[in-house]
Amino acid sequence: MESDFQALTSLIRWESSLDDLIGAANQCDLHEGPSVRLDRHAVRDILQRCISGQLDVLELPRWAGSVHMLDRVEVDEVDVEMLTQFLFEVSSPELFEPISVDVCQRWVSRLEKA
């Protein structure tokens, strides 16, 4: 289903209202279909947009949590350990640290070094 794929891709790219994107992605995750891949470039783009103020950094935990919970989102094998850690830590600020621009900048550095 092309629309399912688009809904998942739009969430990974955070292309519009997070509420709408999460709702659409959760709906399509209920059905069988092709997975979409989350890679370091997509994550770095989201982080850069949070740093620049284009995206609300305080919404980043919701984005990370929803991406992390979707069955049809596959984490790129090359970076599976780092990206899974990123999704877990960022989606659980109460366990790690509050999300801020500084946290985003540190993750961008880690992604670029790896």
Protein backbone atom coordinates (compact mmCIF):
# COMPACT_ATOMS: atom_id res chain seq x y z
CA MET A 1 0.00 0.00 0.00
CA GLU A 2 1.64 3.17 -1.22
CA SER A 3 -0.30 5.41 1.19
CA ASP A 4 0.89 3.31 4.15
CA PHE A 5 4.47 3.62 3.00
CA GLN A 6 4.00 7.38 2.60
CA ALA A 7 2.51 7.70 6.09
CA LEU A 8 5.50 5.93 7.64
CA THR A 9 7.99 7.89 5.54
CA SER A 10 6.29 11.17 6.44
CA LEU A 11 6.62 10.37 10.14
CA ILE A 12 10.29 9.42 9.79
CA ARG A 13 10.87 12.74 8.02
CA TRP A 14 8.52 14.62 10.42
CA GLU A 15 6.91 16.41 7.49
CA SER A 16 3.89 17.96 9.25
CA SER A 17 1.90 17.99 12.50
CA LEU A 18 3.23 15.27 14.78
CA ASP A 19 -0.27 14.33 15.97
CA ASP A 20 -1.43 13.71 12.39
CA LEU A 21 1.73 11.84 11.44
CA ILE A 22 1.62 9.56 14.48
CA GLY A 23 -2.06 8.81 13.93
CA ALA A 24 -1.57 7.91 10.27
CA ALA A 25 1.55 5.83 10.97
CA ASN A 26 -0.14 3.92 13.79
CA GLN A 27 -3.10 3.15 11.50
CA CYS A 28 -0.93 1.76 8.72
CA ASP A 29 1.23 -0.16 11.20
CA LEU A 30 -1.81 -2.32 11.92
CA HIS A 31 -1.65 -3.76 8.37
CA GLU A 32 0.88 -5.96 6.64
CA GLY A 33 3.10 -4.22 4.14
CA PRO A 34 6.59 -3.11 3.31
CA SER A 35 8.73 -1.59 6.02
CA VAL A 36 10.49 1.72 5.83
CA ARG A 37 14.08 2.17 6.89
CA LEU A 38 15.30 4.64 9.49
CA ASP A 39 18.92 5.61 8.90
CA ARG A 40 21.40 8.00 10.43
CA HIS A 41 20.76 10.63 7.73
CA ALA A 42 17.05 10.84 8.61
CA VAL A 43 17.83 11.10 12.33
CA ARG A 44 20.52 13.72 11.77
CA ASP A 45 18.09 15.76 9.65
CA ILE A 46 15.47 15.69 12.42
CA LEU A 47 18.08 16.70 15.00
CA GLN A 48 19.37 19.57 12.83
CA ARG A 49 15.82 20.83 12.38
CA CYS A 50 15.29 20.70 16.16
CA ILE A 51 18.55 22.60 16.72
CA SER A 52 17.58 25.29 14.20
CA GLY A 53 14.13 25.73 15.74
CA GLN A 54 12.30 24.45 12.66
CA LEU A 55 10.94 21.59 14.80
CA ASP A 56 9.96 21.79 18.47
CA VAL A 57 12.75 20.08 20.40
CA LEU A 58 10.30 19.33 23.22
CA GLU A 59 8.30 17.16 20.80
CA LEU A 60 11.36 15.06 19.92
CA PRO A 61 10.64 12.42 22.62
CA ARG A 62 7.15 11.85 21.15
CA TRP A 63 8.59 11.51 17.66
CA ALA A 64 11.33 9.11 18.79
CA GLY A 65 8.92 7.06 20.87
CA SER A 66 6.41 6.64 18.08
CA VAL A 67 9.09 5.74 15.51
CA HIS A 68 10.62 3.28 18.00
CA MET A 69 7.31 1.49 18.61
CA LEU A 70 6.27 0.98 14.97
CA ASP A 71 6.71 -2.57 13.71
CA ARG A 72 7.07 -1.44 10.11
CA VAL A 73 10.00 0.88 10.77
CA GLU A 74 13.30 -0.94 10.44
CA VAL A 75 16.48 0.57 11.79
CA ASP A 76 19.34 0.55 9.30
CA GLU A 77 21.51 -2.50 10.12
CA VAL A 78 24.77 -0.59 9.82
CA ASP A 79 23.76 1.74 12.66
CA VAL A 80 21.21 -0.43 14.48
CA GLU A 81 22.92 -0.24 17.87
CA MET A 82 23.44 3.53 17.88
CA LEU A 83 20.04 4.41 16.39
CA THR A 84 18.18 2.07 18.72
CA GLN A 85 20.02 3.65 21.65
CA PHE A 86 19.13 7.10 20.31
CA LEU A 87 15.43 6.25 20.01
CA PHE A 88 15.34 4.71 23.49
CA GLU A 89 17.21 7.52 25.25
CA VAL A 90 15.43 10.36 23.50
CA SER A 91 12.00 8.81 23.96
CA SER A 92 12.70 8.32 27.69
CA PRO A 93 13.99 11.67 28.94
CA GLU A 94 12.75 10.81 32.43
CA LEU A 95 15.31 7.96 32.50
CA PHE A 96 18.21 9.81 30.89
CA GLU A 97 18.14 13.58 30.60
CA PRO A 98 15.67 16.25 29.49
CA ILE A 99 15.72 16.85 25.76
CA SER A 100 17.38 20.11 24.77
CA VAL A 101 19.24 21.64 21.87
CA ASP A 102 22.46 20.60 23.62
CA VAL A 103 21.34 16.95 23.70
CA CYS A 104 20.50 17.18 19.99
CA GLN A 105 23.91 18.64 19.20
CA ARG A 106 25.66 15.83 21.11
CA TRP A 107 23.69 13.21 19.15
CA VAL A 108 24.55 14.92 15.85
CA SER A 109 28.23 14.72 16.83
CA ARG A 110 27.90 11.02 17.69
CA LEU A 111 26.15 10.30 14.40
CA GLU A 112 28.81 12.11 12.40
CA LYS A 113 31.70 10.33 14.16
CA ALA A 114 30.29 6.83 13.83
